[in-house]
Amino acid sequence: MNMQNLMAQAQKMQRDIENKKKELDSMEFVGHSEWVEVLFTGDKVLKNVKILKEGNIDDDDKEILSDMFQIAVKDAFIKINEETDKMLGKYSNMMNGLF
């Protein structure tokens, strides 16, 4: 394989990665917990928070609500990371050892 072909393949792979990353960044991911629902884009920008708990939130519930928010965010990030691995994982395997 000559250097010109290698460079062309590298440029194509770079374009493919950029396109997949743009696609991923525009996707939306919902994270849930019992009391909270969060919406993130694929680039981990928070778009919306919804409190699902019915009724009033008293002082005792505030700590639980904080925990529920953390659980929902973690759930969304797990989904984003799984989709990132699915869409871009093959490229990291190709690049293994080059950096």
N, C-alpha and C. Protein backbone atom coordinates (compact mmCIF):
# COMPACT_ATOMS: atom_id res chain seq x y z
N MET A 1 0.85 -1.18 0.00
CA MET A 1 0.00 0.00 0.00
C MET A 1 0.89 1.23 0.00
N ASN A 2 0.60 2.14 -0.89
CA ASN A 2 1.45 3.32 -0.93
C ASN A 2 0.92 4.39 0.02
N MET A 3 1.76 5.37 0.23
CA MET A 3 1.46 6.43 1.20
C MET A 3 0.22 7.23 0.79
N GLN A 4 0.03 7.44 -0.49
CA GLN A 4 -1.12 8.21 -0.97
C GLN A 4 -2.44 7.49 -0.63
N ASN A 5 -2.48 6.18 -0.84
CA ASN A 5 -3.67 5.41 -0.48
C ASN A 5 -3.92 5.42 1.02
N LEU A 6 -2.85 5.32 1.78
CA LEU A 6 -2.96 5.34 3.23
C LEU A 6 -3.52 6.67 3.72
N MET A 7 -3.04 7.76 3.14
CA MET A 7 -3.54 9.09 3.51
C MET A 7 -5.01 9.24 3.12
N ALA A 8 -5.40 8.74 1.96
CA ALA A 8 -6.79 8.81 1.52
C ALA A 8 -7.69 8.03 2.47
N GLN A 9 -7.25 6.86 2.90
CA GLN A 9 -8.03 6.06 3.85
C GLN A 9 -8.16 6.77 5.19
N ALA A 10 -7.08 7.39 5.63
CA ALA A 10 -7.10 8.12 6.91
C ALA A 10 -8.06 9.30 6.83
N GLN A 11 -8.05 10.01 5.72
CA GLN A 11 -8.96 11.16 5.56
C GLN A 11 -10.41 10.70 5.51
N LYS A 12 -10.68 9.58 4.84
CA LYS A 12 -12.03 9.04 4.78
C LYS A 12 -12.50 8.63 6.18
N MET A 13 -11.61 7.98 6.92
CA MET A 13 -11.95 7.56 8.28
C MET A 13 -12.23 8.79 9.14
N GLN A 14 -11.45 9.85 9.00
CA GLN A 14 -11.66 11.06 9.77
C GLN A 14 -13.02 11.67 9.44
N ARG A 15 -13.39 11.71 8.15
CA ARG A 15 -14.71 12.23 7.76
C ARG A 15 -15.83 11.36 8.34
N ASP A 16 -15.65 10.05 8.28
CA ASP A 16 -16.64 9.14 8.84
C ASP A 16 -16.83 9.36 10.34
N ILE A 17 -15.74 9.52 11.04
CA ILE A 17 -15.79 9.76 12.49
C ILE A 17 -16.51 11.07 12.77
N GLU A 18 -16.16 12.12 12.04
CA GLU A 18 -16.81 13.43 12.24
C GLU A 18 -18.31 13.35 11.97
N ASN A 19 -18.71 12.62 10.92
CA ASN A 19 -20.13 12.48 10.62
C ASN A 19 -20.86 11.70 11.70
N LYS A 20 -20.26 10.62 12.18
CA LYS A 20 -20.87 9.84 13.25
C LYS A 20 -20.97 10.66 14.53
N LYS A 21 -19.94 11.45 14.82
CA LYS A 21 -19.95 12.29 16.02
C LYS A 21 -21.05 13.34 15.93
N LYS A 22 -21.23 13.96 14.77
CA LYS A 22 -22.31 14.93 14.60
C LYS A 22 -23.67 14.27 14.78
N GLU A 23 -23.81 13.08 14.23
CA GLU A 23 -25.06 12.34 14.37
C GLU A 23 -25.32 12.02 15.85
N LEU A 24 -24.30 11.54 16.53
CA LEU A 24 -24.43 11.22 17.95
C LEU A 24 -24.76 12.47 18.76
N ASP A 25 -24.08 13.57 18.50
CA ASP A 25 -24.30 14.81 19.25
C ASP A 25 -25.73 15.32 19.11
N SER A 26 -26.36 15.06 17.98
CA SER A 26 -27.72 15.56 17.76
C SER A 26 -28.79 14.63 18.33
N MET A 27 -28.40 13.42 18.72
CA MET A 27 -29.36 12.48 19.31
C MET A 27 -29.73 12.92 20.73
N GLU A 28 -30.90 12.50 21.18
CA GLU A 28 -31.34 12.81 22.53
C GLU A 28 -31.44 11.53 23.35
N PHE A 29 -31.08 11.64 24.62
CA PHE A 29 -31.05 10.50 25.52
C PHE A 29 -31.78 10.88 26.81
N VAL A 30 -32.69 10.02 27.23
CA VAL A 30 -33.49 10.25 28.42
C VAL A 30 -32.97 9.35 29.54
N GLY A 31 -32.74 9.97 30.69
CA GLY A 31 -32.37 9.23 31.88
C GLY A 31 -33.51 9.28 32.88
N HIS A 32 -33.73 8.17 33.56
CA HIS A 32 -34.85 8.09 34.50
C HIS A 32 -34.40 7.67 35.89
N SER A 33 -35.13 8.14 36.84
CA SER A 33 -35.13 7.58 38.18
C SER A 33 -36.59 7.59 38.61
N GLU A 34 -36.84 7.21 39.82
CA GLU A 34 -38.22 7.14 40.28
C GLU A 34 -38.91 8.50 40.28
N TRP A 35 -38.15 9.56 40.58
CA TRP A 35 -38.76 10.89 40.71
C TRP A 35 -38.35 11.88 39.63
N VAL A 36 -37.34 11.55 38.85
CA VAL A 36 -36.75 12.53 37.93
C VAL A 36 -36.56 11.93 36.54
N GLU A 37 -36.77 12.78 35.53
CA GLU A 37 -36.44 12.43 34.15
C GLU A 37 -35.58 13.56 33.59
N VAL A 38 -34.46 13.20 32.98
CA VAL A 38 -33.57 14.20 32.39
C VAL A 38 -33.41 13.90 30.90
N LEU A 39 -33.17 14.94 30.14
CA LEU A 39 -32.96 14.82 28.70
C LEU A 39 -31.63 15.47 28.35
N PHE A 40 -30.74 14.68 27.75
CA PHE A 40 -29.43 15.16 27.32
C PHE A 40 -29.28 14.93 25.83
N THR A 41 -28.46 15.74 25.19
CA THR A 41 -28.03 15.45 23.83
C THR A 41 -26.82 14.53 23.91
N GLY A 42 -26.43 13.98 22.77
CA GLY A 42 -25.31 13.06 22.74
C GLY A 42 -23.99 13.67 23.16
N ASP A 43 -23.88 15.00 23.07
CA ASP A 43 -22.66 15.65 23.54
C ASP A 43 -22.78 16.08 25.00
N LYS A 44 -23.74 15.46 25.70
CA LYS A 44 -23.93 15.59 27.15
C LYS A 44 -24.33 16.99 27.59
N VAL A 45 -25.15 17.65 26.76
CA VAL A 45 -25.72 18.94 27.13
C VAL A 45 -27.11 18.68 27.70
N LEU A 46 -27.36 19.17 28.90
CA LEU A 46 -28.65 18.99 29.54
C LEU A 46 -29.69 19.86 28.86
N LYS A 47 -30.76 19.23 28.38
CA LYS A 47 -31.82 19.96 27.67
C LYS A 47 -33.06 20.17 28.53
N ASN A 48 -33.35 19.22 29.43
CA ASN A 48 -34.57 19.32 30.21
C ASN A 48 -34.48 18.46 31.46
N VAL A 49 -35.14 18.93 32.50
CA VAL A 49 -35.30 18.16 33.74
C VAL A 49 -36.77 18.18 34.07
N LYS A 50 -37.30 17.00 34.35
CA LYS A 50 -38.72 16.90 34.72
C LYS A 50 -38.81 16.18 36.06
N ILE A 51 -39.51 16.81 37.00
CA ILE A 51 -39.76 16.19 38.29
C ILE A 51 -41.03 15.35 38.15
N LEU A 52 -40.92 14.06 38.41
CA LEU A 52 -42.04 13.14 38.24
C LEU A 52 -42.83 12.92 39.52
N LYS A 53 -42.26 13.30 40.65
CA LYS A 53 -42.92 13.07 41.94
C LYS A 53 -44.19 13.90 42.01
N GLU A 54 -45.26 13.23 42.36
CA GLU A 54 -46.55 13.89 42.53
C GLU A 54 -46.60 14.59 43.89
N GLY A 55 -47.32 15.68 43.98
CA GLY A 55 -47.54 16.36 45.25
C GLY A 55 -46.39 17.25 45.64
N ASN A 56 -46.41 17.66 46.88
CA ASN A 56 -45.40 18.58 47.40
C ASN A 56 -44.12 17.85 47.75
N ILE A 57 -43.04 18.58 47.67
CA ILE A 57 -41.74 18.05 48.08
C ILE A 57 -41.38 18.72 49.39
N ASP A 58 -41.35 17.96 50.46
CA ASP A 58 -41.02 18.54 51.76
C ASP A 58 -39.51 18.47 52.00
N ASP A 59 -39.09 19.00 53.13
CA ASP A 59 -37.65 19.06 53.43
C ASP A 59 -37.00 17.68 53.44
N ASP A 60 -37.71 16.68 53.93
CA ASP A 60 -37.15 15.32 53.96
C ASP A 60 -36.93 14.77 52.55
N ASP A 61 -37.76 15.21 51.62
CA ASP A 61 -37.67 14.72 50.24
C ASP A 61 -36.54 15.35 49.44
N LYS A 62 -36.00 16.49 49.90
CA LYS A 62 -34.99 17.20 49.12
C LYS A 62 -33.73 16.36 48.91
N GLU A 63 -33.28 15.66 49.93
CA GLU A 63 -32.09 14.82 49.78
C GLU A 63 -32.38 13.66 48.84
N ILE A 64 -33.56 13.08 48.96
CA ILE A 64 -33.94 11.99 48.07
C ILE A 64 -34.02 12.50 46.63
N LEU A 65 -34.59 13.68 46.45
CA LEU A 65 -34.69 14.27 45.11
C LEU A 65 -33.31 14.47 44.50
N SER A 66 -32.36 14.92 45.30
CA SER A 66 -30.99 15.09 44.83
C SER A 66 -30.42 13.74 44.38
N ASP A 67 -30.64 12.70 45.16
CA ASP A 67 -30.17 11.37 44.80
C ASP A 67 -30.84 10.89 43.51
N MET A 68 -32.13 11.15 43.38
CA MET A 68 -32.88 10.73 42.20
C MET A 68 -32.38 11.46 40.95
N PHE A 69 -32.00 12.71 41.11
CA PHE A 69 -31.43 13.46 39.99
C PHE A 69 -30.11 12.83 39.55
N GLN A 70 -29.27 12.49 40.51
CA GLN A 70 -27.99 11.86 40.19
C GLN A 70 -28.19 10.52 39.49
N ILE A 71 -29.16 9.75 39.93
CA ILE A 71 -29.44 8.46 39.31
C ILE A 71 -29.90 8.65 37.86
N ALA A 72 -30.76 9.63 37.63
CA ALA A 72 -31.26 9.89 36.28
C ALA A 72 -30.15 10.35 35.35
N VAL A 73 -29.26 11.22 35.85
CA VAL A 73 -28.14 11.69 35.04
C VAL A 73 -27.21 10.52 34.71
N LYS A 74 -26.92 9.71 35.69
CA LYS A 74 -26.06 8.54 35.46
C LYS A 74 -26.68 7.62 34.42
N ASP A 75 -27.99 7.41 34.49
CA ASP A 75 -28.70 6.57 33.53
C ASP A 75 -28.56 7.13 32.12
N ALA A 76 -28.73 8.44 31.97
CA ALA A 76 -28.60 9.06 30.65
C ALA A 76 -27.17 8.94 30.13
N PHE A 77 -26.18 9.16 30.98
CA PHE A 77 -24.78 9.08 30.55
C PHE A 77 -24.40 7.65 30.16
N ILE A 78 -24.94 6.67 30.85
CA ILE A 78 -24.69 5.27 30.47
C ILE A 78 -25.21 5.03 29.06
N LYS A 79 -26.40 5.54 28.78
CA LYS A 79 -27.00 5.37 27.45
C LYS A 79 -26.17 6.09 26.38
N ILE A 80 -25.71 7.28 26.69
CA ILE A 80 -24.87 8.04 25.74
C ILE A 80 -23.57 7.28 25.49
N ASN A 81 -22.94 6.79 26.54
CA ASN A 81 -21.68 6.06 26.39
C ASN A 81 -21.85 4.77 25.61
N GLU A 82 -22.96 4.06 25.85
CA GLU A 82 -23.23 2.84 25.09
C GLU A 82 -23.42 3.14 23.61
N GLU A 83 -24.15 4.20 23.29
CA GLU A 83 -24.38 4.56 21.90
C GLU A 83 -23.08 5.04 21.25
N THR A 84 -22.26 5.76 22.02
CA THR A 84 -20.96 6.21 21.51
C THR A 84 -20.09 5.01 21.17
N ASP A 85 -20.06 4.03 22.06
CA ASP A 85 -19.28 2.82 21.79
C ASP A 85 -19.81 2.09 20.56
N LYS A 86 -21.13 2.05 20.43
CA LYS A 86 -21.73 1.36 19.29
C LYS A 86 -21.41 2.07 17.98
N MET A 87 -21.45 3.40 17.99
CA MET A 87 -21.24 4.16 16.76
C MET A 87 -19.77 4.40 16.43
N LEU A 88 -18.95 4.58 17.45
CA LEU A 88 -17.56 4.98 17.22
C LEU A 88 -16.53 3.95 17.71
N GLY A 89 -17.00 2.91 18.36
CA GLY A 89 -16.07 1.92 18.92
C GLY A 89 -15.18 1.26 17.89
N LYS A 90 -15.71 1.01 16.70
CA LYS A 90 -14.89 0.35 15.68
C LYS A 90 -13.70 1.22 15.28
N TYR A 91 -13.86 2.53 15.36
CA TYR A 91 -12.76 3.42 15.00
C TYR A 91 -11.67 3.41 16.06
N SER A 92 -12.05 3.29 17.31
CA SER A 92 -11.02 3.25 18.36
C SER A 92 -10.25 1.93 18.26
N ASN A 93 -10.93 0.86 17.86
CA ASN A 93 -10.21 -0.41 17.67
C ASN A 93 -9.22 -0.32 16.51
N MET A 94 -9.60 0.39 15.45
CA MET A 94 -8.70 0.57 14.30
C MET A 94 -7.48 1.40 14.67
N MET A 95 -7.68 2.37 15.56
CA MET A 95 -6.60 3.30 15.92
C MET A 95 -5.72 2.74 17.03
N ASN A 96 -6.09 1.62 17.61
CA ASN A 96 -5.34 1.04 18.72
C ASN A 96 -3.88 0.85 18.33
N GLY A 97 -3.02 1.41 19.12
CA GLY A 97 -1.60 1.27 18.88
C GLY A 97 -1.01 2.38 18.01
N LEU A 98 -1.84 3.22 17.43
CA LEU A 98 -1.31 4.30 16.59
C LEU A 98 -0.98 5.55 17.38
N PHE A 99 -1.51 5.65 18.58
CA PHE A 99 -1.26 6.85 19.39
C PHE A 99 -0.49 6.50 20.63
